[in-house]
Amino acid sequence: MKKFILASLTAAMFALPVLAQQAPASAGLTDGEVKKVDKENKKITLKHAEIKNIDMPPMTMVFTVKDATILDKVQAGDKVRFKAENVGGTLIVTEINPAK
C-alpha cells in the first residue's frame, strides 16, 4: 500500500507542471473597461476587477502599456480582458484583448 501511495504521489508531482502548461491562454487575464486611451504617452486608464497576480483590488487607474501598438485594438468604453504585471514598481499592461 505504501508503494502505491508513493508511486501515485510521484506521478502527480511530475504531471502538475505539464498540466500547468496546458492552461488556456486567457488564464491570468482580468476583466476591465477602457476609460481612456493615451497613445502618445503609452498609457491606458482601466476600470478593472481584482488583478490577482499583483494582489490589487478592483479600482480605476492609469497603466503604462508595454507596447503602444496594443492601444490600437481598443477605445474608451470597450470591455476588455488584460494582463498587468508589476515591473520594478511600475504597473504595466502587457496584453489586452476585446472581451467576448
Protein backbone atom coordinates (compact mmCIF):
# COMPACT_ATOMS: atom_id res chain seq x y z
CA MET A 1 0.00 0.00 0.00
CA LYS A 2 2.83 2.41 0.86
CA LYS A 3 4.45 1.73 -2.53
CA PHE A 4 1.17 2.53 -4.29
CA ILE A 5 0.76 5.83 -2.44
CA LEU A 6 4.39 6.78 -3.08
CA ALA A 7 4.06 5.92 -6.78
CA SER A 8 0.83 7.96 -7.03
CA LEU A 9 2.39 10.99 -5.36
CA THR A 10 5.46 10.76 -7.58
CA ALA A 11 3.30 10.58 -10.72
CA ALA A 12 1.23 13.56 -9.59
CA MET A 13 4.37 15.57 -8.87
CA PHE A 14 5.58 15.10 -12.45
CA ALA A 15 2.14 15.66 -14.00
CA LEU A 16 1.44 19.05 -12.38
CA PRO A 17 3.96 21.08 -14.42
CA VAL A 18 2.61 19.56 -17.63
CA LEU A 19 -0.97 20.39 -16.65
CA ALA A 20 0.01 23.95 -15.73
CA GLN A 21 1.49 24.47 -19.21
CA GLN A 22 -1.80 23.42 -20.76
CA ALA A 23 -3.78 26.21 -19.07
CA PRO A 24 -5.82 28.28 -21.52
CA ALA A 25 -4.23 31.44 -22.93
CA SER A 26 -6.86 33.52 -21.13
CA ALA A 27 -5.65 32.33 -17.73
CA GLY A 28 -4.39 35.24 -15.68
CA LEU A 29 -6.39 37.84 -17.62
CA THR A 30 -8.52 40.38 -15.77
CA ASP A 31 -11.85 41.90 -16.82
CA GLY A 32 -11.88 45.64 -17.34
CA GLU A 33 -13.42 48.59 -19.12
CA VAL A 34 -11.37 51.14 -21.03
CA LYS A 35 -11.95 54.65 -19.69
CA LYS A 36 -9.24 56.49 -21.66
CA VAL A 37 -6.53 55.71 -24.23
CA ASP A 38 -3.41 57.91 -24.39
CA LYS A 39 -1.36 56.62 -27.33
CA GLU A 40 1.14 59.49 -27.20
CA ASN A 41 2.20 58.63 -23.63
CA LYS A 42 1.67 54.83 -23.93
CA LYS A 43 -0.97 54.85 -21.17
CA ILE A 44 -4.44 53.42 -20.68
CA THR A 45 -7.00 54.10 -17.96
CA LEU A 46 -8.90 50.97 -16.96
CA LYS A 47 -11.74 50.30 -14.54
CA HIS A 48 -10.84 46.75 -13.55
CA ALA A 49 -11.79 43.77 -11.46
CA GLU A 50 -9.34 42.31 -8.94
CA ILE A 51 -5.93 41.71 -10.51
CA LYS A 52 -4.95 38.53 -8.70
CA ASN A 53 -1.36 38.16 -9.91
CA ILE A 54 -0.39 41.55 -8.43
CA ASP A 55 -2.82 41.40 -5.48
CA MET A 56 -4.73 44.54 -6.48
CA PRO A 57 -8.39 45.15 -5.57
CA PRO A 58 -10.93 46.44 -8.11
CA MET A 59 -10.48 50.13 -8.99
CA THR A 60 -9.96 52.59 -11.83
CA MET A 61 -6.36 53.53 -12.58
CA VAL A 62 -3.86 54.52 -15.25
CA PHE A 63 -1.43 51.88 -16.53
CA THR A 64 1.60 52.14 -18.78
CA VAL A 65 1.49 49.73 -21.72
CA LYS A 66 4.43 47.57 -22.74
CA ASP A 67 3.83 48.16 -26.44
CA ALA A 68 1.86 51.18 -27.72
CA THR A 69 0.50 49.16 -30.66
CA ILE A 70 -1.82 47.26 -28.31
CA LEU A 71 -3.70 50.51 -27.82
CA ASP A 72 -4.79 50.37 -31.46
CA LYS A 73 -7.14 47.49 -30.56
CA VAL A 74 -9.24 49.40 -28.01
CA GLN A 75 -11.08 52.64 -27.38
CA ALA A 76 -12.90 54.27 -24.45
CA GLY A 77 -15.98 52.27 -23.48
CA ASP A 78 -14.65 48.89 -24.66
CA LYS A 79 -14.94 45.88 -22.36
CA VAL A 80 -11.58 44.11 -22.31
CA ARG A 81 -9.54 41.28 -20.80
CA PHE A 82 -5.98 42.26 -19.95
CA LYS A 83 -2.83 41.17 -18.19
CA ALA A 84 -0.89 43.54 -15.94
CA GLU A 85 2.48 42.98 -14.31
CA ASN A 86 4.49 44.82 -11.69
CA VAL A 87 7.86 45.56 -13.33
CA GLY A 88 10.21 47.30 -10.94
CA GLY A 89 7.35 49.04 -9.17
CA THR A 90 5.63 50.16 -12.39
CA LEU A 91 2.34 48.52 -13.31
CA ILE A 92 2.45 47.61 -16.99
CA VAL A 93 -0.28 46.19 -19.23
CA THR A 94 1.42 43.50 -21.30
CA GLU A 95 -1.64 42.13 -23.10
CA ILE A 96 -5.13 43.44 -23.85
CA ASN A 97 -7.96 41.98 -25.90
CA PRO A 98 -11.59 42.93 -26.51
CA ALA A 99 -13.85 40.89 -24.22
CA LYS A 100 -16.04 38.28 -25.88
